[in-house]
């Protein structure tokens, strides 16, 4: 299980550089509020792991494993477009991966 505070979501704007174009490129990015004043939602994920070992007497051991990631299928936003001067402001850029299952087999002797 993992629970963590949401990432910081600082907002910033792009200010034209004017005659300083050669030094700054297209413009400067200006932070609009103090870092940490705005945050994304907290992240909670639950992962499960189940293993079963089968003894094969003189032939070794066979292990079957099942992993389930993000059991509750949370869809928490991790990142959005933070530049206020773009047409895509606040557009979703990244969210928590959906549930996934992994099967594993291991033979040891």
PDB file of N, CA and C in Angstrom:
ATOM      1  N   UNK A   1       0.846  -1.161   0.000  1.00  0.00           N
ATOM      2  CA  UNK A   1       0.000   0.000   0.000  1.00  0.00           C
ATOM      3  C   UNK A   1       0.896   1.230   0.000  1.00  0.00           C
ATOM      4  N   UNK A   2       0.491   2.246  -0.740  1.00  0.00           N
ATOM      5  CA  UNK A   2       1.248   3.488  -0.787  1.00  0.00           C
ATOM      6  C   UNK A   2       0.283   4.664  -0.678  1.00  0.00           C
ATOM      7  N   UNK A   3       0.612   5.586   0.191  1.00  0.00           N
ATOM      8  CA  UNK A   3      -0.164   6.816   0.324  1.00  0.00           C
ATOM      9  C   UNK A   3       0.834   7.962   0.370  1.00  0.00           C
ATOM     10  N   UNK A   4       0.661   8.934  -0.507  1.00  0.00           N
ATOM     11  CA  UNK A   4       1.595  10.053  -0.509  1.00  0.00           C
ATOM     12  C   UNK A   4       0.853  11.342  -0.824  1.00  0.00           C
ATOM     13  N   UNK A   5       1.399  12.426  -0.323  1.00  0.00           N
ATOM     14  CA  UNK A   5       0.834  13.737  -0.571  1.00  0.00           C
ATOM     15  C   UNK A   5       0.941  14.061  -2.061  1.00  0.00           C
ATOM     16  N   UNK A   6      -0.067  14.750  -2.590  1.00  0.00           N
ATOM     17  CA  UNK A   6      -0.067  15.118  -4.003  1.00  0.00           C
ATOM     18  C   UNK A   6       1.101  16.029  -4.348  1.00  0.00           C
ATOM     19  N   UNK A   7       1.531  15.956  -5.575  1.00  0.00           N
ATOM     20  CA  UNK A   7       2.653  16.765  -6.035  1.00  0.00           C
ATOM     21  C   UNK A   7       2.267  18.244  -6.075  1.00  0.00           C
ATOM     22  N   UNK A   8       3.249  19.106  -5.969  1.00  0.00           N
ATOM     23  CA  UNK A   8       3.050  20.547  -6.061  1.00  0.00           C
ATOM     24  C   UNK A   8       2.574  20.906  -7.472  1.00  0.00           C
ATOM     25  N   UNK A   9       1.687  21.890  -7.570  1.00  0.00           N
ATOM     26  CA  UNK A   9       1.137  22.301  -8.856  1.00  0.00           C
ATOM     27  C   UNK A   9       1.338  23.806  -9.050  1.00  0.00           C
ATOM     28  N   UNK A  10       2.564  24.247  -9.242  1.00  0.00           N
ATOM     29  CA  UNK A  10       2.803  25.688  -9.414  1.00  0.00           C
ATOM     30  C   UNK A  10       2.276  26.174 -10.760  1.00  0.00           C
ATOM     31  N   UNK A  11       1.655  27.331 -10.748  1.00  0.00           N
ATOM     32  CA  UNK A  11       1.176  27.940 -11.988  1.00  0.00           C
ATOM     33  C   UNK A  11       2.183  28.987 -12.441  1.00  0.00           C
ATOM     34  N   UNK A  12       2.405  29.064 -13.745  1.00  0.00           N
ATOM     35  CA  UNK A  12       3.327  30.062 -14.257  1.00  0.00           C
ATOM     36  C   UNK A  12       2.832  30.579 -15.596  1.00  0.00           C
ATOM     37  N   UNK A  13       3.335  31.726 -15.992  1.00  0.00           N
ATOM     38  CA  UNK A  13       2.965  32.361 -17.254  1.00  0.00           C
ATOM     39  C   UNK A  13       4.222  32.639 -18.055  1.00  0.00           C
ATOM     40  N   UNK A  14       4.037  32.728 -19.363  1.00  0.00           N
ATOM     41  CA  UNK A  14       5.162  33.055 -20.245  1.00  0.00           C
ATOM     42  C   UNK A  14       5.035  34.521 -20.643  1.00  0.00           C
ATOM     43  N   UNK A  15       6.061  35.288 -20.334  1.00  0.00           N
ATOM     44  CA  UNK A  15       6.081  36.715 -20.630  1.00  0.00           C
ATOM     45  C   UNK A  15       6.991  36.946 -21.823  1.00  0.00           C
ATOM     46  N   UNK A  16       6.489  37.662 -22.857  1.00  0.00           N
ATOM     47  CA  UNK A  16       7.337  37.916 -24.035  1.00  0.00           C
ATOM     48  C   UNK A  16       8.638  38.611 -23.641  1.00  0.00           C
ATOM     49  N   UNK A  17       9.702  38.258 -24.304  1.00  0.00           N
ATOM     50  CA  UNK A  17      11.013  38.802 -23.965  1.00  0.00           C
ATOM     51  C   UNK A  17      11.284  40.149 -24.606  1.00  0.00           C
ATOM     52  N   UNK A  18      10.490  40.530 -25.590  1.00  0.00           N
ATOM     53  CA  UNK A  18      10.716  41.816 -26.251  1.00  0.00           C
ATOM     54  C   UNK A  18      12.062  41.853 -26.953  1.00  0.00           C
ATOM     55  N   UNK A  19      12.867  42.878 -26.675  1.00  0.00           N
ATOM     56  CA  UNK A  19      14.167  43.002 -27.339  1.00  0.00           C
ATOM     57  C   UNK A  19      15.212  42.074 -26.734  1.00  0.00           C
ATOM     58  N   UNK A  20      14.854  41.308 -25.704  1.00  0.00           N
ATOM     59  CA  UNK A  20      15.796  40.347 -25.115  1.00  0.00           C
ATOM     60  C   UNK A  20      15.637  38.970 -25.742  1.00  0.00           C
ATOM     61  N   UNK A  21      14.991  38.897 -26.890  1.00  0.00           N
ATOM     62  CA  UNK A  21      14.680  37.625 -27.542  1.00  0.00           C
ATOM     63  C   UNK A  21      15.912  36.738 -27.699  1.00  0.00           C
ATOM     64  N   UNK A  22      17.018  37.301 -28.095  1.00  0.00           N
ATOM     65  CA  UNK A  22      18.226  36.503 -28.338  1.00  0.00           C
ATOM     66  C   UNK A  22      18.752  35.841 -27.069  1.00  0.00           C
ATOM     67  N   UNK A  23      18.524  36.463 -25.921  1.00  0.00           N
ATOM     68  CA  UNK A  23      19.051  35.907 -24.678  1.00  0.00           C
ATOM     69  C   UNK A  23      18.090  34.894 -24.058  1.00  0.00           C
ATOM     70  N   UNK A  24      16.786  35.205 -24.027  1.00  0.00           N
ATOM     71  CA  UNK A  24      15.812  34.340 -23.354  1.00  0.00           C
ATOM     72  C   UNK A  24      15.031  33.428 -24.290  1.00  0.00           C
ATOM     73  N   UNK A  25      15.200  33.550 -25.578  1.00  0.00           N
ATOM     74  CA  UNK A  25      14.400  32.755 -26.500  1.00  0.00           C
ATOM     75  C   UNK A  25      13.040  33.405 -26.688  1.00  0.00           C
ATOM     76  N   UNK A  26      11.961  32.631 -26.635  1.00  0.00           N
ATOM     77  CA  UNK A  26      10.618  33.167 -26.872  1.00  0.00           C
ATOM     78  C   UNK A  26      10.097  34.005 -25.712  1.00  0.00           C
ATOM     79  N   UNK A  27      10.581  33.816 -24.532  1.00  0.00           N
ATOM     80  CA  UNK A  27      10.090  34.574 -23.388  1.00  0.00           C
ATOM     81  C   UNK A  27      10.508  33.938 -22.082  1.00  0.00           C
ATOM     82  N   UNK A  28      10.197  34.618 -20.997  1.00  0.00           N
ATOM     83  CA  UNK A  28      10.548  34.117 -19.673  1.00  0.00           C
ATOM     84  C   UNK A  28       9.333  33.473 -19.032  1.00  0.00           C
ATOM     85  N   UNK A  29       9.564  32.479 -18.222  1.00  0.00           N
ATOM     86  CA  UNK A  29       8.498  31.857 -17.449  1.00  0.00           C
ATOM     87  C   UNK A  29       8.496  32.500 -16.070  1.00  0.00           C
ATOM     88  N   UNK A  30       7.335  32.972 -15.657  1.00  0.00           N
ATOM     89  CA  UNK A  30       7.210  33.666 -14.371  1.00  0.00           C
ATOM     90  C   UNK A  30       6.278  32.868 -13.476  1.00  0.00           C
ATOM     91  N   UNK A  31       6.722  32.537 -12.281  1.00  0.00           N
ATOM     92  CA  UNK A  31       5.919  31.823 -11.303  1.00  0.00           C
ATOM     93  C   UNK A  31       4.838  32.757 -10.773  1.00  0.00           C
ATOM     94  N   UNK A  32       3.572  32.297 -10.752  1.00  0.00           N
ATOM     95  CA  UNK A  32       2.454  33.160 -10.376  1.00  0.00           C
ATOM     96  C   UNK A  32       2.059  33.069  -8.910  1.00  0.00           C
ATOM     97  N   UNK A  33       2.519  32.044  -8.204  1.00  0.00           N
ATOM     98  CA  UNK A  33       2.198  31.880  -6.782  1.00  0.00           C
ATOM     99  C   UNK A  33       3.320  31.104  -6.105  1.00  0.00           C
ATOM    100  N   UNK A  34       3.403  31.150  -4.785  1.00  0.00           N
ATOM    101  CA  UNK A  34       4.488  30.434  -4.094  1.00  0.00           C
ATOM    102  C   UNK A  34       4.407  28.917  -4.324  1.00  0.00           C
ATOM    103  N   UNK A  35       5.568  28.284  -4.416  1.00  0.00           N
ATOM    104  CA  UNK A  35       5.612  26.829  -4.560  1.00  0.00           C
ATOM    105  C   UNK A  35       4.934  26.160  -3.371  1.00  0.00           C
ATOM    106  N   UNK A  36       4.131  25.130  -3.650  1.00  0.00           N
ATOM    107  CA  UNK A  36       3.466  24.385  -2.591  1.00  0.00           C
ATOM    108  C   UNK A  36       2.114  24.944  -2.187  1.00  0.00           C
ATOM    109  N   UNK A  37       1.717  26.097  -2.708  1.00  0.00           N
ATOM    110  CA  UNK A  37       0.423  26.660  -2.323  1.00  0.00           C
ATOM    111  C   UNK A  37      -0.732  25.926  -3.007  1.00  0.00           C
ATOM    112  N   UNK A  38      -0.466  25.239  -4.079  1.00  0.00           N
ATOM    113  CA  UNK A  38      -1.486  24.458  -4.788  1.00  0.00           C
ATOM    114  C   UNK A  38      -0.910  23.063  -5.017  1.00  0.00           C
ATOM    115  N   UNK A  39      -1.710  22.029  -4.732  1.00  0.00           N
ATOM    116  CA  UNK A  39      -1.246  20.643  -4.886  1.00  0.00           C
ATOM    117  C   UNK A  39      -2.296  19.801  -5.596  1.00  0.00           C
ATOM    118  N   UNK A  40      -1.817  18.745  -6.260  1.00  0.00           N
ATOM    119  CA  UNK A  40      -2.725  17.755  -6.826  1.00  0.00           C
ATOM    120  C   UNK A  40      -3.281  16.899  -5.692  1.00  0.00           C
ATOM    121  N   UNK A  41      -4.300  16.079  -5.994  1.00  0.00           N
ATOM    122  CA  UNK A  41      -4.880  15.185  -4.981  1.00  0.00           C
ATOM    123  C   UNK A  41      -3.829  14.207  -4.469  1.00  0.00           C
ATOM    124  N   UNK A  42      -4.004  13.762  -3.235  1.00  0.00           N
ATOM    125  CA  UNK A  42      -3.120  12.763  -2.648  1.00  0.00           C
ATOM    126  C   UNK A  42      -3.238  11.450  -3.428  1.00  0.00           C
ATOM    127  N   UNK A  43      -2.165  10.674  -3.434  1.00  0.00           N
ATOM    128  CA  UNK A  43      -2.107   9.425  -4.199  1.00  0.00           C
ATOM    129  C   UNK A  43      -2.212   8.239  -3.241  1.00  0.00           C
ATOM    130  N   UNK A  44      -3.151   7.345  -3.546  1.00  0.00           N
ATOM    131  CA  UNK A  44      -3.316   6.116  -2.780  1.00  0.00           C
ATOM    132  C   UNK A  44      -3.357   4.955  -3.756  1.00  0.00           C
ATOM    133  N   UNK A  45      -2.467   3.995  -3.583  1.00  0.00           N
ATOM    134  CA  UNK A  45      -2.498   2.786  -4.405  1.00  0.00           C
ATOM    135  C   UNK A  45      -2.357   1.563  -3.517  1.00  0.00           C
ATOM    136  N   UNK A  46      -2.986   0.501  -3.947  1.00  0.00           N
ATOM    137  CA  UNK A  46      -2.920  -0.765  -3.227  1.00  0.00           C
ATOM    138  C   UNK A  46      -2.496  -1.837  -4.222  1.00  0.00           C
ATOM    139  N   UNK A  47      -1.394  -2.519  -3.938  1.00  0.00           N
ATOM    140  CA  UNK A  47      -0.879  -3.598  -4.772  1.00  0.00           C
ATOM    141  C   UNK A  47      -0.920  -4.887  -3.963  1.00  0.00           C
ATOM    142  N   UNK A  48      -1.204  -5.994  -4.621  1.00  0.00           N
ATOM    143  CA  UNK A  48      -1.243  -7.294  -3.956  1.00  0.00           C
ATOM    144  C   UNK A  48      -0.287  -8.265  -4.642  1.00  0.00           C
ATOM    145  N   UNK A  49       0.284  -9.164  -3.835  1.00  0.00           N
ATOM    146  CA  UNK A  49       1.175 -10.204  -4.338  1.00  0.00           C
ATOM    147  C   UNK A  49       0.806 -11.503  -3.642  1.00  0.00           C
ATOM    148  N   UNK A  50       0.559 -12.547  -4.443  1.00  0.00           N
ATOM    149  CA  UNK A  50       0.247 -13.868  -3.910  1.00  0.00           C
ATOM    150  C   UNK A  50       1.196 -14.859  -4.566  1.00  0.00           C
ATOM    151  N   UNK A  51       1.795 -15.734  -3.736  1.00  0.00           N
ATOM    152  CA  UNK A  51       2.702 -16.748  -4.261  1.00  0.00           C
ATOM    153  C   UNK A  51       2.359 -18.102  -3.662  1.00  0.00           C
ATOM    154  N   UNK A  52       2.487 -19.135  -4.465  1.00  0.00           N
ATOM    155  CA  UNK A  52       2.286 -20.500  -4.005  1.00  0.00           C
ATOM    156  C   UNK A  52       3.465 -21.335  -4.479  1.00  0.00           C
ATOM    157  N   UNK A  53       4.087 -22.038  -3.536  1.00  0.00           N
ATOM    158  CA  UNK A  53       5.258 -22.861  -3.835  1.00  0.00           C
ATOM    159  C   UNK A  53       4.833 -24.328  -3.860  1.00  0.00           C
ATOM    160  N   UNK A  54       5.239 -25.046  -4.899  1.00  0.00           N
ATOM    161  CA  UNK A  54       4.982 -26.477  -5.032  1.00  0.00           C
ATOM    162  C   UNK A  54       6.318 -27.200  -4.989  1.00  0.00           C
ATOM    163  N   UNK A  55       6.489 -28.068  -4.010  1.00  0.00           N
ATOM    164  CA  UNK A  55       7.711 -28.874  -3.887  1.00  0.00           C
ATOM    165  C   UNK A  55       7.590 -30.084  -4.809  1.00  0.00           C
ATOM    166  N   UNK A  56       8.627 -30.334  -5.593  1.00  0.00           N
ATOM    167  CA  UNK A  56       8.640 -31.458  -6.529  1.00  0.00           C
ATOM    168  C   UNK A  56       9.637 -32.511  -6.066  1.00  0.00           C
ATOM    169  N   UNK A  57       9.649 -32.791  -4.783  1.00  0.00           N
ATOM    170  CA  UNK A  57      10.556 -33.733  -4.118  1.00  0.00           C
ATOM    171  C   UNK A  57      11.994 -33.568  -4.587  1.00  0.00           C
ATOM    172  N   UNK A  58      12.543 -34.513  -5.301  1.00  0.00           N
ATOM    173  CA  UNK A  58      13.947 -34.457  -5.725  1.00  0.00           C
ATOM    174  C   UNK A  58      14.167 -33.584  -6.970  1.00  0.00           C
ATOM    175  N   UNK A  59      13.122 -33.059  -7.535  1.00  0.00           N
ATOM    176  CA  UNK A  59      13.228 -32.326  -8.798  1.00  0.00           C
ATOM    177  C   UNK A  59      13.248 -30.804  -8.631  1.00  0.00           C
ATOM    178  N   UNK A  60      13.175 -30.333  -7.414  1.00  0.00           N
ATOM    179  CA  UNK A  60      13.240 -28.899  -7.189  1.00  0.00           C
ATOM    180  C   UNK A  60      11.925 -28.312  -6.710  1.00  0.00           C
ATOM    181  N   UNK A  61      11.746 -27.072  -7.033  1.00  0.00           N
ATOM    182  CA  UNK A  61      10.599 -26.320  -6.530  1.00  0.00           C
ATOM    183  C   UNK A  61      10.042 -25.447  -7.657  1.00  0.00           C
ATOM    184  N   UNK A  62       8.714 -25.388  -7.726  1.00  0.00           N
ATOM    185  CA  UNK A  62       8.019 -24.577  -8.710  1.00  0.00           C
ATOM    186  C   UNK A  62       7.194 -23.532  -7.963  1.00  0.00           C
ATOM    187  N   UNK A  63       7.361 -22.242  -8.333  1.00  0.00           N
ATOM    188  CA  UNK A  63       6.640 -21.160  -7.662  1.00  0.00           C
ATOM    189  C   UNK A  63       5.749 -20.437  -8.665  1.00  0.00           C
ATOM    190  N   UNK A  64       4.496 -20.284  -8.296  1.00  0.00           N
ATOM    191  CA  UNK A  64       3.528 -19.526  -9.092  1.00  0.00           C
ATOM    192  C   UNK A  64       3.276 -18.208  -8.368  1.00  0.00           C
ATOM    193  N   UNK A  65       3.314 -17.090  -9.084  1.00  0.00           N
ATOM    194  CA  UNK A  65       3.122 -15.770  -8.473  1.00  0.00           C
ATOM    195  C   UNK A  65       2.086 -14.967  -9.248  1.00  0.00           C
ATOM    196  N   UNK A  66       1.280 -14.216  -8.515  1.00  0.00           N
ATOM    197  CA  UNK A  66       0.286 -13.328  -9.099  1.00  0.00           C
ATOM    198  C   UNK A  66       0.430 -11.960  -8.436  1.00  0.00           C
ATOM    199  N   UNK A  67       0.621 -10.921  -9.248  1.00  0.00           N
ATOM    200  CA  UNK A  67       0.696  -9.547  -8.758  1.00  0.00           C
ATOM    201  C   UNK A  67      -0.454  -8.760  -9.364  1.00  0.00           C
ATOM    202  N   UNK A  68      -1.115  -7.959  -8.540  1.00  0.00           N
ATOM    203  CA  UNK A  68      -2.149  -7.048  -9.022  1.00  0.00           C
ATOM    204  C   UNK A  68      -1.743  -5.650  -8.574  1.00  0.00           C
ATOM    205  N   UNK A  69      -1.575  -4.752  -9.538  1.00  0.00           N
ATOM    206  CA  UNK A  69      -1.164  -3.382  -9.256  1.00  0.00           C
ATOM    207  C   UNK A  69      -2.370  -2.452  -9.357  1.00  0.00           C
ATOM    208  N   UNK A  70      -2.434  -1.466  -8.461  1.00  0.00           N
ATOM    209  CA  UNK A  70      -3.537  -0.501  -8.398  1.00  0.00           C
ATOM    210  C   UNK A  70      -4.881  -1.225  -8.331  1.00  0.00           C
ATOM    211  N   UNK A  71      -5.036  -2.038  -7.300  1.00  0.00           N
ATOM    212  CA  UNK A  71      -6.227  -2.877  -7.120  1.00  0.00           C
ATOM    213  C   UNK A  71      -7.508  -2.052  -7.159  1.00  0.00           C
ATOM    214  N   UNK A  72      -7.515  -0.888  -6.552  1.00  0.00           N
ATOM    215  CA  UNK A  72      -8.715  -0.060  -6.476  1.00  0.00           C
ATOM    216  C   UNK A  72      -8.956   0.743  -7.757  1.00  0.00           C
ATOM    217  N   UNK A  73      -8.073   0.610  -8.739  1.00  0.00           N
ATOM    218  CA  UNK A  73      -8.174   1.273 -10.037  1.00  0.00           C
ATOM    219  C   UNK A  73      -8.345   2.789  -9.901  1.00  0.00           C
ATOM    220  N   UNK A  74      -7.541   3.388  -9.033  1.00  0.00           N
ATOM    221  CA  UNK A  74      -7.561   4.847  -8.857  1.00  0.00           C
ATOM    222  C   UNK A  74      -7.128   5.523 -10.152  1.00  0.00           C
ATOM    223  N   UNK A  75      -7.686   6.675 -10.413  1.00  0.00           N
ATOM    224  CA  UNK A  75      -7.380   7.417 -11.635  1.00  0.00           C
ATOM    225  C   UNK A  75      -6.916   8.822 -11.264  1.00  0.00           C
ATOM    226  N   UNK A  76      -6.039   8.926 -10.287  1.00  0.00           N
ATOM    227  CA  UNK A  76      -5.594  10.200  -9.743  1.00  0.00           C
ATOM    228  C   UNK A  76      -4.771  10.980 -10.760  1.00  0.00           C
ATOM    229  N   UNK A  77      -5.049  12.280 -10.863  1.00  0.00           N
ATOM    230  CA  UNK A  77      -4.291  13.166 -11.756  1.00  0.00           C
ATOM    231  C   UNK A  77      -2.923  13.417 -11.146  1.00  0.00           C
ATOM    232  N   UNK A  78      -1.881  13.217 -11.932  1.00  0.00           N
ATOM    233  CA  UNK A  78      -0.518  13.453 -11.471  1.00  0.00           C
ATOM    234  C   UNK A  78       0.040  14.754 -12.040  1.00  0.00           C
ATOM    235  N   UNK A  79      -0.383  15.109 -13.274  1.00  0.00           N
ATOM    236  CA  UNK A  79       0.132  16.340 -13.863  1.00  0.00           C
ATOM    237  C   UNK A  79      -0.850  16.906 -14.878  1.00  0.00           C
ATOM    238  N   UNK A  80      -0.992  18.227 -14.852  1.00  0.00           N
ATOM    239  CA  UNK A  80      -1.780  18.983 -15.833  1.00  0.00           C
ATOM    240  C   UNK A  80      -0.905  20.085 -16.419  1.00  0.00           C
ATOM    241  N   UNK A  81      -1.329  20.654 -17.534  1.00  0.00           N
ATOM    242  CA  UNK A  81      -0.613  21.787 -18.131  1.00  0.00           C
ATOM    243  C   UNK A  81      -0.729  22.973 -17.168  1.00  0.00           C
ATOM    244  N   UNK A  82       0.409  23.494 -16.713  1.00  0.00           N
ATOM    245  CA  UNK A  82       0.420  24.544 -15.691  1.00  0.00           C
ATOM    246  C   UNK A  82       0.699  25.928 -16.250  1.00  0.00           C
ATOM    247  N   UNK A  83       1.020  26.028 -17.510  1.00  0.00           N
ATOM    248  CA  UNK A  83       1.315  27.332 -18.106  1.00  0.00           C
ATOM    249  C   UNK A  83      -0.013  28.020 -18.453  1.00  0.00           C
ATOM    250  N   UNK A  84      -0.313  29.113 -17.777  1.00  0.00           N
ATOM    251  CA  UNK A  84      -1.609  29.785 -17.928  1.00  0.00           C
ATOM    252  C   UNK A  84      -1.762  30.514 -19.254  1.00  0.00           C
ATOM    253  N   UNK A  85      -0.688  30.759 -19.943  1.00  0.00           N
ATOM    254  CA  UNK A  85      -0.744  31.530 -21.184  1.00  0.00           C
ATOM    255  C   UNK A  85      -0.872  30.649 -22.427  1.00  0.00           C
ATOM    256  N   UNK A  86      -1.185  29.371 -22.267  1.00  0.00           N
ATOM    257  CA  UNK A  86      -1.373  28.475 -23.412  1.00  0.00           C
ATOM    258  C   UNK A  86      -2.849  28.135 -23.568  1.00  0.00           C
ATOM    259  N   UNK A  87      -3.237  27.739 -24.763  1.00  0.00           N
ATOM    260  CA  UNK A  87      -4.633  27.341 -25.003  1.00  0.00           C
ATOM    261  C   UNK A  87      -4.958  26.004 -24.358  1.00  0.00           C
ATOM    262  N   UNK A  88      -3.942  25.221 -24.014  1.00  0.00           N
ATOM    263  CA  UNK A  88      -4.162  23.915 -23.389  1.00  0.00           C
ATOM    264  C   UNK A  88      -4.017  23.972 -21.863  1.00  0.00           C
ATOM    265  N   UNK A  89      -4.146  25.159 -21.277  1.00  0.00           N
ATOM    266  CA  UNK A  89      -4.005  25.299 -19.818  1.00  0.00           C
ATOM    267  C   UNK A  89      -4.942  24.335 -19.100  1.00  0.00           C
ATOM    268  N   UNK A  90      -4.432  23.658 -18.098  1.00  0.00           N
ATOM    269  CA  UNK A  90      -5.139  22.712 -17.232  1.00  0.00           C
ATOM    270  C   UNK A  90      -5.498  21.402 -17.942  1.00  0.00           C
ATOM    271  N   UNK A  91      -4.980  21.161 -19.139  1.00  0.00           N
ATOM    272  CA  UNK A  91      -5.232  19.901 -19.843  1.00  0.00           C
ATOM    273  C   UNK A  91      -4.480  18.771 -19.142  1.00  0.00           C
ATOM    274  N   UNK A  92      -5.105  17.618 -19.082  1.00  0.00           N
ATOM    275  CA  UNK A  92      -4.504  16.449 -18.440  1.00  0.00           C
ATOM    276  C   UNK A  92      -3.267  16.011 -19.211  1.00  0.00           C
ATOM    277  N   UNK A  93      -2.142  15.834 -18.488  1.00  0.00           N
ATOM    278  CA  UNK A  93      -0.910  15.369 -19.111  1.00  0.00           C
ATOM    279  C   UNK A  93      -0.495  13.992 -18.605  1.00  0.00           C
ATOM    280  N   UNK A  94      -0.852  13.666 -17.360  1.00  0.00           N
ATOM    281  CA  UNK A  94      -0.462  12.367 -16.803  1.00  0.00           C
ATOM    282  C   UNK A  94      -1.404  12.012 -15.661  1.00  0.00           C
ATOM    283  N   UNK A  95      -1.821  10.750 -15.621  1.00  0.00           N
ATOM    284  CA  UNK A  95      -2.591  10.255 -14.488  1.00  0.00           C
ATOM    285  C   UNK A  95      -2.069   8.881 -14.078  1.00  0.00           C
ATOM    286  N   UNK A  96      -2.547   8.398 -12.955  1.00  0.00           N
ATOM    287  CA  UNK A  96      -2.093   7.121 -12.409  1.00  0.00           C
ATOM    288  C   UNK A  96      -2.481   5.983 -13.356  1.00  0.00           C
ATOM    289  N   UNK A  97      -1.586   5.051 -13.562  1.00  0.00           N
ATOM    290  CA  UNK A  97      -1.851   3.919 -14.456  1.00  0.00           C
ATOM    291  C   UNK A  97      -3.011   3.078 -13.932  1.00  0.00           C
ATOM    292  N   UNK A  98      -3.819   2.503 -14.837  1.00  0.00           N
ATOM    293  CA  UNK A  98      -4.938   1.669 -14.399  1.00  0.00           C
ATOM    294  C   UNK A  98      -4.449   0.343 -13.805  1.00  0.00           C
ATOM    295  N   UNK A  99      -5.383  -0.444 -13.293  1.00  0.00           N
ATOM    296  CA  UNK A  99      -5.041  -1.751 -12.721  1.00  0.00           C
ATOM    297  C   UNK A  99      -4.319  -2.616 -13.741  1.00  0.00           C
ATOM    298  N   UNK A 100      -3.390  -3.417 -13.247  1.00  0.00           N
ATOM    299  CA  UNK A 100      -2.642  -4.327 -14.118  1.00  0.00           C
ATOM    300  C   UNK A 100      -2.377  -5.617 -13.356  1.00  0.00           C
ATOM    301  N   UNK A 101      -2.328  -6.713 -14.090  1.00  0.00           N
ATOM    302  CA  UNK A 101      -2.078  -8.033 -13.493  1.00  0.00           C
ATOM    303  C   UNK A 101      -0.821  -8.619 -14.118  1.00  0.00           C
ATOM    304  N   UNK A 102       0.015  -9.239 -13.284  1.00  0.00           N
ATOM    305  CA  UNK A 102       1.227  -9.894 -13.764  1.00  0.00           C
ATOM    306  C   UNK A 102       1.255 -11.312 -13.206  1.00  0.00           C
ATOM    307  N   UNK A 103       1.470 -12.286 -14.076  1.00  0.00           N
ATOM    308  CA  UNK A 103       1.625 -13.678 -13.670  1.00  0.00           C
ATOM    309  C   UNK A 103       3.092 -14.059 -13.790  1.00  0.00           C
ATOM    310  N   UNK A 104       3.568 -14.847 -12.840  1.00  0.00           N
ATOM    311  CA  UNK A 104       4.946 -15.269 -12.890  1.00  0.00           C
ATOM    312  C   UNK A 104       5.129 -16.724 -12.483  1.00  0.00           C
ATOM    313  N   UNK A 105       6.110 -17.358 -13.080  1.00  0.00           N
ATOM    314  CA  UNK A 105       6.449 -18.740 -12.773  1.00  0.00           C
ATOM    315  C   UNK A 105       7.944 -18.818 -12.545  1.00  0.00           C
ATOM    316  N   UNK A 106       8.333 -19.592 -11.563  1.00  0.00           N
ATOM    317  CA  UNK A 106       9.764 -19.735 -11.283  1.00  0.00           C
ATOM    318  C   UNK A 106      10.047 -21.193 -10.923  1.00  0.00           C
ATOM    319  N   UNK A 107      11.106 -21.703 -11.512  1.00  0.00           N
ATOM    320  CA  UNK A 107      11.538 -23.065 -11.177  1.00  0.00           C
ATOM    321  C   UNK A 107      12.933 -22.970 -10.579  1.00  0.00           C
ATOM    322  N   UNK A 108      13.118 -23.596  -9.445  1.00  0.00           N
ATOM    323  CA  UNK A 108      14.454 -23.630  -8.828  1.00  0.00           C
ATOM    324  C   UNK A 108      14.755 -25.050  -8.389  1.00  0.00           C
ATOM    325  N   UNK A 109      16.021 -25.394  -8.408  1.00  0.00           N
ATOM    326  CA  UNK A 109      16.431 -26.759  -8.038  1.00  0.00           C
ATOM    327  C   UNK A 109      17.573 -26.747  -7.086  1.00  0.00           C
TER     328      UNK A 109
END
